[in-house]
Amino acid sequence: AESDVVSLHLPLTPQTRFLLNAQALAKMKRGAILLNTSRGKLIDTSAVIDALKSGQLAGVGLDVYEEEEGLFFEDLSGEVLQDDELSRLLTFPNVLVTPHQAFLTHEALSEIARVTTTNLLRYSEQQPLLDGSVLVESGN
């Protein structure tokens, strides 16, 4: 209720799905800015559109989108965008939507490469993987 900026940094679970819905957005400070770089389904897009139209939200930055699969990292420039909510979001001058690339930093990519390489070496030497790593074996 007092924050000028609300930035989401949490996983998507059944408990966090649509964490920011119409009721939660109504409790935010009028004119706040919402940033989501976590998971698209943490926010109810329809409720965000309504909050933007009413001025409840002054702006929104999304690096993730509720229905982003198949929309980003594809050249859809010759096609009609079928997602009405995304189309509406893109009409607002105070909304920035990026294609889920917040992780795309030198540091993040270096860390991904380091962990992957280390785990491959450990696996080949039958050593435990780094803490937080999970081995997913296919049935093939």
N, C-alpha and C. Protein backbone atom coordinates (compact mmCIF):
# COMPACT_ATOMS: atom_id res chain seq x y z
N ALA A 1 0.81 -1.20 0.00
CA ALA A 1 0.00 0.00 0.00
C ALA A 1 0.85 1.26 0.00
N GLU A 2 2.13 1.17 0.38
CA GLU A 2 2.99 2.35 0.45
C GLU A 2 4.11 2.36 -0.58
N SER A 3 4.31 1.25 -1.28
CA SER A 3 5.44 1.13 -2.21
C SER A 3 5.16 1.82 -3.53
N ASP A 4 6.16 2.55 -4.02
CA ASP A 4 6.06 3.18 -5.33
C ASP A 4 6.33 2.18 -6.45
N VAL A 5 7.14 1.17 -6.15
CA VAL A 5 7.50 0.14 -7.12
C VAL A 5 7.34 -1.21 -6.46
N VAL A 6 6.68 -2.13 -7.14
CA VAL A 6 6.56 -3.51 -6.68
C VAL A 6 7.23 -4.38 -7.74
N SER A 7 8.24 -5.13 -7.31
CA SER A 7 8.99 -5.98 -8.22
C SER A 7 8.88 -7.42 -7.73
N LEU A 8 8.46 -8.31 -8.61
CA LEU A 8 8.22 -9.70 -8.24
C LEU A 8 9.46 -10.56 -8.51
N HIS A 9 9.84 -11.34 -7.49
CA HIS A 9 11.01 -12.23 -7.58
C HIS A 9 10.69 -13.50 -6.81
N LEU A 10 9.84 -14.34 -7.35
CA LEU A 10 9.46 -15.58 -6.69
C LEU A 10 9.02 -16.60 -7.71
N PRO A 11 9.01 -17.87 -7.32
CA PRO A 11 8.63 -18.91 -8.27
C PRO A 11 7.11 -18.97 -8.44
N LEU A 12 6.70 -19.64 -9.50
CA LEU A 12 5.28 -19.89 -9.72
C LEU A 12 4.93 -21.20 -9.03
N THR A 13 4.02 -21.13 -8.09
CA THR A 13 3.50 -22.30 -7.39
C THR A 13 1.98 -22.16 -7.37
N PRO A 14 1.28 -23.18 -6.96
CA PRO A 14 -0.18 -23.02 -6.84
C PRO A 14 -0.55 -21.86 -5.91
N GLN A 15 0.27 -21.58 -4.90
CA GLN A 15 -0.02 -20.50 -3.96
C GLN A 15 0.29 -19.12 -4.54
N THR A 16 1.21 -19.02 -5.49
CA THR A 16 1.58 -17.71 -6.04
C THR A 16 0.92 -17.41 -7.37
N ARG A 17 0.22 -18.37 -7.95
CA ARG A 17 -0.46 -18.14 -9.23
C ARG A 17 -1.46 -17.00 -9.07
N PHE A 18 -1.37 -16.00 -9.93
CA PHE A 18 -2.20 -14.80 -9.89
C PHE A 18 -2.15 -14.12 -8.53
N LEU A 19 -0.96 -14.10 -7.95
CA LEU A 19 -0.73 -13.40 -6.68
C LEU A 19 -1.20 -11.95 -6.79
N LEU A 20 -0.91 -11.34 -7.93
CA LEU A 20 -1.39 -9.97 -8.15
C LEU A 20 -2.61 -10.04 -9.05
N ASN A 21 -3.75 -10.11 -8.40
CA ASN A 21 -5.04 -10.12 -9.08
C ASN A 21 -5.72 -8.77 -8.83
N ALA A 22 -6.97 -8.64 -9.20
CA ALA A 22 -7.67 -7.36 -9.06
C ALA A 22 -7.68 -6.89 -7.60
N GLN A 23 -7.91 -7.80 -6.68
CA GLN A 23 -7.96 -7.41 -5.26
C GLN A 23 -6.60 -6.92 -4.76
N ALA A 24 -5.55 -7.63 -5.12
CA ALA A 24 -4.20 -7.23 -4.68
C ALA A 24 -3.79 -5.91 -5.32
N LEU A 25 -4.09 -5.74 -6.60
CA LEU A 25 -3.74 -4.49 -7.28
C LEU A 25 -4.48 -3.31 -6.68
N ALA A 26 -5.70 -3.52 -6.24
CA ALA A 26 -6.49 -2.44 -5.63
C ALA A 26 -5.88 -2.01 -4.30
N LYS A 27 -5.14 -2.88 -3.64
CA LYS A 27 -4.51 -2.55 -2.36
C LYS A 27 -3.19 -1.80 -2.53
N MET A 28 -2.66 -1.81 -3.76
CA MET A 28 -1.39 -1.12 -4.01
C MET A 28 -1.60 0.38 -3.99
N LYS A 29 -0.52 1.08 -3.75
CA LYS A 29 -0.54 2.54 -3.79
C LYS A 29 -0.94 3.00 -5.19
N ARG A 30 -1.87 3.93 -5.27
CA ARG A 30 -2.29 4.45 -6.57
C ARG A 30 -1.10 5.10 -7.26
N GLY A 31 -0.89 4.75 -8.52
CA GLY A 31 0.23 5.30 -9.26
C GLY A 31 1.52 4.52 -9.11
N ALA A 32 1.46 3.33 -8.52
CA ALA A 32 2.66 2.50 -8.36
C ALA A 32 3.06 1.90 -9.71
N ILE A 33 4.28 1.41 -9.75
CA ILE A 33 4.81 0.74 -10.93
C ILE A 33 5.01 -0.73 -10.58
N LEU A 34 4.60 -1.60 -11.48
CA LEU A 34 4.73 -3.04 -11.29
C LEU A 34 5.77 -3.60 -12.24
N LEU A 35 6.72 -4.38 -11.69
CA LEU A 35 7.75 -5.05 -12.48
C LEU A 35 7.65 -6.55 -12.22
N ASN A 36 7.68 -7.33 -13.29
CA ASN A 36 7.67 -8.79 -13.13
C ASN A 36 8.74 -9.39 -14.02
N THR A 37 9.76 -9.97 -13.39
CA THR A 37 10.81 -10.68 -14.11
C THR A 37 10.85 -12.15 -13.69
N SER A 38 9.82 -12.60 -13.01
CA SER A 38 9.82 -13.96 -12.47
C SER A 38 9.07 -14.93 -13.37
N ARG A 39 7.78 -14.98 -13.21
CA ARG A 39 6.92 -15.87 -13.98
C ARG A 39 5.67 -15.10 -14.37
N GLY A 40 5.23 -15.27 -15.61
CA GLY A 40 4.10 -14.50 -16.12
C GLY A 40 2.80 -14.72 -15.37
N LYS A 41 2.58 -15.94 -14.92
CA LYS A 41 1.30 -16.24 -14.28
C LYS A 41 1.24 -15.82 -12.81
N LEU A 42 2.23 -15.05 -12.36
CA LEU A 42 2.13 -14.44 -11.03
C LEU A 42 1.12 -13.30 -11.04
N ILE A 43 0.87 -12.74 -12.22
CA ILE A 43 -0.08 -11.62 -12.31
C ILE A 43 -1.23 -11.98 -13.24
N ASP A 44 -2.38 -11.45 -12.93
CA ASP A 44 -3.58 -11.60 -13.76
C ASP A 44 -3.54 -10.46 -14.78
N THR A 45 -3.27 -10.80 -16.02
CA THR A 45 -3.08 -9.79 -17.06
C THR A 45 -4.32 -8.91 -17.24
N SER A 46 -5.50 -9.51 -17.21
CA SER A 46 -6.73 -8.71 -17.35
C SER A 46 -6.84 -7.67 -16.25
N ALA A 47 -6.49 -8.07 -15.02
CA ALA A 47 -6.55 -7.14 -13.89
C ALA A 47 -5.51 -6.03 -14.04
N VAL A 48 -4.35 -6.36 -14.58
CA VAL A 48 -3.31 -5.35 -14.80
C VAL A 48 -3.78 -4.35 -15.85
N ILE A 49 -4.41 -4.83 -16.91
CA ILE A 49 -4.93 -3.92 -17.93
C ILE A 49 -5.96 -2.97 -17.32
N ASP A 50 -6.85 -3.50 -16.51
CA ASP A 50 -7.85 -2.65 -15.85
C ASP A 50 -7.18 -1.63 -14.94
N ALA A 51 -6.14 -2.05 -14.20
CA ALA A 51 -5.43 -1.14 -13.29
C ALA A 51 -4.69 -0.05 -14.06
N LEU A 52 -4.18 -0.38 -15.23
CA LEU A 52 -3.54 0.64 -16.07
C LEU A 52 -4.57 1.64 -16.60
N LYS A 53 -5.68 1.13 -17.05
CA LYS A 53 -6.72 2.00 -17.61
C LYS A 53 -7.28 2.96 -16.56
N SER A 54 -7.37 2.50 -15.32
CA SER A 54 -7.94 3.34 -14.26
C SER A 54 -6.91 4.27 -13.62
N GLY A 55 -5.63 4.05 -13.92
CA GLY A 55 -4.59 4.86 -13.29
C GLY A 55 -4.11 4.29 -11.97
N GLN A 56 -4.66 3.17 -11.55
CA GLN A 56 -4.18 2.52 -10.32
C GLN A 56 -2.70 2.20 -10.46
N LEU A 57 -2.30 1.71 -11.62
CA LEU A 57 -0.88 1.50 -11.92
C LEU A 57 -0.41 2.60 -12.86
N ALA A 58 0.75 3.17 -12.54
CA ALA A 58 1.33 4.21 -13.40
C ALA A 58 2.12 3.60 -14.55
N GLY A 59 2.56 2.37 -14.37
CA GLY A 59 3.33 1.71 -15.41
C GLY A 59 3.61 0.28 -15.04
N VAL A 60 3.97 -0.49 -16.07
CA VAL A 60 4.24 -1.91 -15.89
C VAL A 60 5.44 -2.28 -16.75
N GLY A 61 6.35 -3.06 -16.18
CA GLY A 61 7.47 -3.64 -16.91
C GLY A 61 7.40 -5.14 -16.78
N LEU A 62 7.33 -5.82 -17.91
CA LEU A 62 7.20 -7.28 -17.90
C LEU A 62 8.31 -7.91 -18.72
N ASP A 63 9.12 -8.73 -18.07
CA ASP A 63 10.09 -9.53 -18.79
C ASP A 63 9.53 -10.94 -19.00
N VAL A 64 8.36 -11.15 -18.46
CA VAL A 64 7.64 -12.41 -18.62
C VAL A 64 6.19 -12.06 -18.89
N TYR A 65 5.49 -12.99 -19.53
CA TYR A 65 4.09 -12.75 -19.86
C TYR A 65 3.32 -14.03 -19.62
N GLU A 66 2.12 -13.87 -19.14
CA GLU A 66 1.27 -14.99 -18.75
C GLU A 66 1.19 -16.08 -19.83
N GLU A 67 1.04 -15.71 -21.06
CA GLU A 67 0.90 -16.68 -22.16
C GLU A 67 2.01 -16.50 -23.18
N GLU A 68 3.26 -16.45 -22.71
CA GLU A 68 4.38 -16.11 -23.59
C GLU A 68 4.85 -17.24 -24.50
N GLU A 69 4.55 -18.47 -24.17
CA GLU A 69 5.06 -19.58 -24.96
C GLU A 69 4.63 -19.46 -26.42
N GLY A 70 5.58 -19.54 -27.31
CA GLY A 70 5.30 -19.44 -28.73
C GLY A 70 5.22 -18.02 -29.27
N LEU A 71 5.29 -17.02 -28.38
CA LEU A 71 5.21 -15.63 -28.83
C LEU A 71 6.57 -14.99 -29.00
N PHE A 72 7.49 -15.31 -28.13
CA PHE A 72 8.79 -14.66 -28.14
C PHE A 72 9.83 -15.58 -28.81
N PHE A 73 10.87 -14.98 -29.29
CA PHE A 73 11.96 -15.66 -29.99
C PHE A 73 11.48 -16.30 -31.29
N GLU A 74 10.40 -15.79 -31.84
CA GLU A 74 9.86 -16.22 -33.13
C GLU A 74 9.62 -14.97 -33.96
N ASP A 75 9.82 -15.07 -35.26
CA ASP A 75 9.50 -13.95 -36.14
C ASP A 75 8.03 -14.05 -36.53
N LEU A 76 7.22 -13.27 -35.85
CA LEU A 76 5.79 -13.26 -36.13
C LEU A 76 5.37 -11.97 -36.82
N SER A 77 6.34 -11.27 -37.40
CA SER A 77 6.07 -9.96 -37.97
C SER A 77 5.08 -10.01 -39.14
N GLY A 78 4.95 -11.14 -39.80
CA GLY A 78 4.01 -11.25 -40.91
C GLY A 78 2.67 -11.85 -40.52
N GLU A 79 2.45 -12.00 -39.21
CA GLU A 79 1.22 -12.63 -38.74
C GLU A 79 0.43 -11.69 -37.85
N VAL A 80 -0.84 -11.94 -37.74
CA VAL A 80 -1.71 -11.19 -36.85
C VAL A 80 -1.53 -11.75 -35.45
N LEU A 81 -1.26 -10.88 -34.49
CA LEU A 81 -1.11 -11.31 -33.10
C LEU A 81 -2.47 -11.77 -32.58
N GLN A 82 -2.57 -13.02 -32.20
CA GLN A 82 -3.84 -13.60 -31.77
C GLN A 82 -4.15 -13.38 -30.30
N ASP A 83 -3.19 -12.91 -29.54
CA ASP A 83 -3.36 -12.72 -28.10
C ASP A 83 -3.88 -11.31 -27.83
N ASP A 84 -5.18 -11.21 -27.54
CA ASP A 84 -5.81 -9.89 -27.36
C ASP A 84 -5.26 -9.15 -26.15
N GLU A 85 -4.94 -9.86 -25.07
CA GLU A 85 -4.42 -9.18 -23.88
C GLU A 85 -3.03 -8.61 -24.13
N LEU A 86 -2.17 -9.37 -24.79
CA LEU A 86 -0.85 -8.85 -25.10
C LEU A 86 -0.97 -7.68 -26.08
N SER A 87 -1.85 -7.81 -27.05
CA SER A 87 -2.07 -6.71 -28.00
C SER A 87 -2.47 -5.44 -27.26
N ARG A 88 -3.35 -5.58 -26.30
CA ARG A 88 -3.81 -4.41 -25.51
C ARG A 88 -2.67 -3.84 -24.68
N LEU A 89 -1.91 -4.71 -24.02
CA LEU A 89 -0.77 -4.23 -23.22
C LEU A 89 0.19 -3.41 -24.07
N LEU A 90 0.43 -3.85 -25.28
CA LEU A 90 1.40 -3.18 -26.15
C LEU A 90 0.93 -1.82 -26.63
N THR A 91 -0.35 -1.49 -26.42
CA THR A 91 -0.85 -0.17 -26.83
C THR A 91 -0.57 0.91 -25.79
N PHE A 92 -0.22 0.50 -24.56
CA PHE A 92 0.01 1.48 -23.49
C PHE A 92 1.41 2.08 -23.62
N PRO A 93 1.53 3.41 -23.55
CA PRO A 93 2.86 4.02 -23.61
C PRO A 93 3.66 3.82 -22.33
N ASN A 94 3.00 3.38 -21.26
CA ASN A 94 3.66 3.19 -19.96
C ASN A 94 3.84 1.71 -19.63
N VAL A 95 3.91 0.87 -20.67
CA VAL A 95 4.14 -0.57 -20.50
C VAL A 95 5.33 -0.97 -21.36
N LEU A 96 6.25 -1.70 -20.74
CA LEU A 96 7.41 -2.24 -21.45
C LEU A 96 7.36 -3.75 -21.32
N VAL A 97 7.35 -4.44 -22.45
CA VAL A 97 7.34 -5.90 -22.47
C VAL A 97 8.60 -6.35 -23.19
N THR A 98 9.37 -7.20 -22.52
CA THR A 98 10.57 -7.78 -23.14
C THR A 98 10.42 -9.30 -23.17
N PRO A 99 11.14 -9.98 -24.05
CA PRO A 99 10.95 -11.40 -24.26
C PRO A 99 11.72 -12.31 -23.29
N HIS A 100 11.40 -12.21 -22.03
CA HIS A 100 11.97 -13.07 -20.99
C HIS A 100 13.48 -13.20 -21.13
N GLN A 101 14.14 -12.07 -21.04
CA GLN A 101 15.59 -12.08 -21.20
C GLN A 101 16.33 -11.44 -20.05
N ALA A 102 15.68 -11.29 -18.91
CA ALA A 102 16.35 -10.68 -17.77
C ALA A 102 17.59 -11.46 -17.36
N PHE A 103 17.60 -12.76 -17.61
CA PHE A 103 18.76 -13.58 -17.26
C PHE A 103 19.93 -13.36 -18.21
N LEU A 104 19.71 -12.67 -19.31
CA LEU A 104 20.69 -12.59 -20.38
C LEU A 104 21.77 -11.55 -20.08
N THR A 105 22.54 -11.84 -19.04
CA THR A 105 23.67 -10.99 -18.68
C THR A 105 24.94 -11.82 -18.78
N HIS A 106 26.06 -11.16 -18.89
CA HIS A 106 27.34 -11.86 -18.95
C HIS A 106 27.52 -12.72 -17.71
N GLU A 107 27.20 -12.16 -16.54
CA GLU A 107 27.38 -12.90 -15.29
C GLU A 107 26.49 -14.14 -15.22
N ALA A 108 25.23 -13.99 -15.60
CA ALA A 108 24.30 -15.12 -15.54
C ALA A 108 24.71 -16.23 -16.51
N LEU A 109 25.06 -15.85 -17.73
CA LEU A 109 25.45 -16.85 -18.72
C LEU A 109 26.76 -17.53 -18.33
N SER A 110 27.69 -16.78 -17.76
CA SER A 110 28.94 -17.38 -17.28
C SER A 110 28.68 -18.38 -16.17
N GLU A 111 27.77 -18.04 -15.27
CA GLU A 111 27.44 -18.95 -14.17
C GLU A 111 26.73 -20.20 -14.68
N ILE A 112 25.85 -20.06 -15.64
CA ILE A 112 25.18 -21.22 -16.24
C ILE A 112 26.22 -22.15 -16.87
N ALA A 113 27.17 -21.58 -17.60
CA ALA A 113 28.22 -22.38 -18.23
C ALA A 113 29.10 -23.05 -17.19
N ARG A 114 29.45 -22.33 -16.13
CA ARG A 114 30.30 -22.90 -15.08
C ARG A 114 29.61 -24.08 -14.39
N VAL A 115 28.37 -23.89 -14.00
CA VAL A 115 27.63 -24.96 -13.29
C VAL A 115 27.44 -26.16 -14.19
N THR A 116 27.08 -25.93 -15.45
CA THR A 116 26.87 -27.04 -16.38
C THR A 116 28.16 -27.83 -16.58
N THR A 117 29.25 -27.13 -16.84
CA THR A 117 30.53 -27.80 -17.07
C THR A 117 30.99 -28.57 -15.84
N THR A 118 30.89 -27.93 -14.69
CA THR A 118 31.29 -28.59 -13.44
C THR A 118 30.46 -29.84 -13.20
N ASN A 119 29.15 -29.74 -13.41
CA ASN A 119 28.29 -30.91 -13.20
C ASN A 119 28.57 -32.02 -14.20
N LEU A 120 28.88 -31.69 -15.44
CA LEU A 120 29.24 -32.72 -16.42
C LEU A 120 30.51 -33.46 -15.99
N LEU A 121 31.50 -32.70 -15.54
CA LEU A 121 32.74 -33.33 -15.07
C LEU A 121 32.48 -34.19 -13.84
N ARG A 122 31.72 -33.67 -12.89
CA ARG A 122 31.41 -34.43 -11.68
C ARG A 122 30.64 -35.71 -12.02
N TYR A 123 29.67 -35.58 -12.92
CA TYR A 123 28.87 -36.74 -13.31
C TYR A 123 29.75 -37.81 -13.95
N SER A 124 30.66 -37.38 -14.84
CA SER A 124 31.53 -38.34 -15.53
C SER A 124 32.49 -39.03 -14.56
N GLU A 125 32.78 -38.37 -13.45
CA GLU A 125 33.67 -38.94 -12.42
C GLU A 125 32.88 -39.57 -11.28
N GLN A 126 31.54 -39.70 -11.47
CA GLN A 126 30.63 -40.28 -10.49
C GLN A 126 30.72 -39.59 -9.13
N GLN A 127 30.85 -38.27 -9.17
CA GLN A 127 30.85 -37.44 -7.96
C GLN A 127 29.49 -36.76 -7.84
N PRO A 128 29.15 -36.31 -6.63
CA PRO A 128 27.86 -35.60 -6.47
C PRO A 128 27.86 -34.29 -7.26
N LEU A 129 26.69 -33.95 -7.74
CA LEU A 129 26.53 -32.68 -8.45
C LEU A 129 26.59 -31.51 -7.47
N LEU A 130 26.76 -30.31 -7.99
CA LEU A 130 26.78 -29.11 -7.17
C LEU A 130 25.45 -28.98 -6.42
N ASP A 131 25.50 -28.39 -5.23
CA ASP A 131 24.29 -28.18 -4.45
C ASP A 131 23.27 -27.42 -5.29
N GLY A 132 22.03 -27.86 -5.23
CA GLY A 132 20.95 -27.21 -5.96
C GLY A 132 20.75 -27.78 -7.35
N SER A 133 21.64 -28.64 -7.80
CA SER A 133 21.51 -29.25 -9.12
C SER A 133 20.68 -30.52 -9.02
N VAL A 134 19.94 -30.79 -10.06
CA VAL A 134 19.09 -31.97 -10.11
C VAL A 134 19.40 -32.72 -11.40
N LEU A 135 19.63 -34.00 -11.27
CA LEU A 135 19.87 -34.84 -12.44
C LEU A 135 18.55 -35.39 -12.93
N VAL A 136 18.25 -35.12 -14.18
CA VAL A 136 17.03 -35.65 -14.78
C VAL A 136 17.48 -36.61 -15.88
N GLU A 137 17.21 -37.86 -15.67
CA GLU A 137 17.62 -38.86 -16.64
C GLU A 137 16.42 -39.24 -17.50
N SER A 138 16.66 -39.33 -18.81
CA SER A 138 15.59 -39.75 -19.70
C SER A 138 15.49 -41.26 -19.70
N GLY A 139 14.36 -41.76 -20.15
CA GLY A 139 14.15 -43.20 -20.20
C GLY A 139 14.79 -43.85 -21.41
N ASN A 140 15.50 -43.07 -22.21
CA ASN A 140 16.12 -43.61 -23.44
C ASN A 140 17.43 -44.27 -23.15
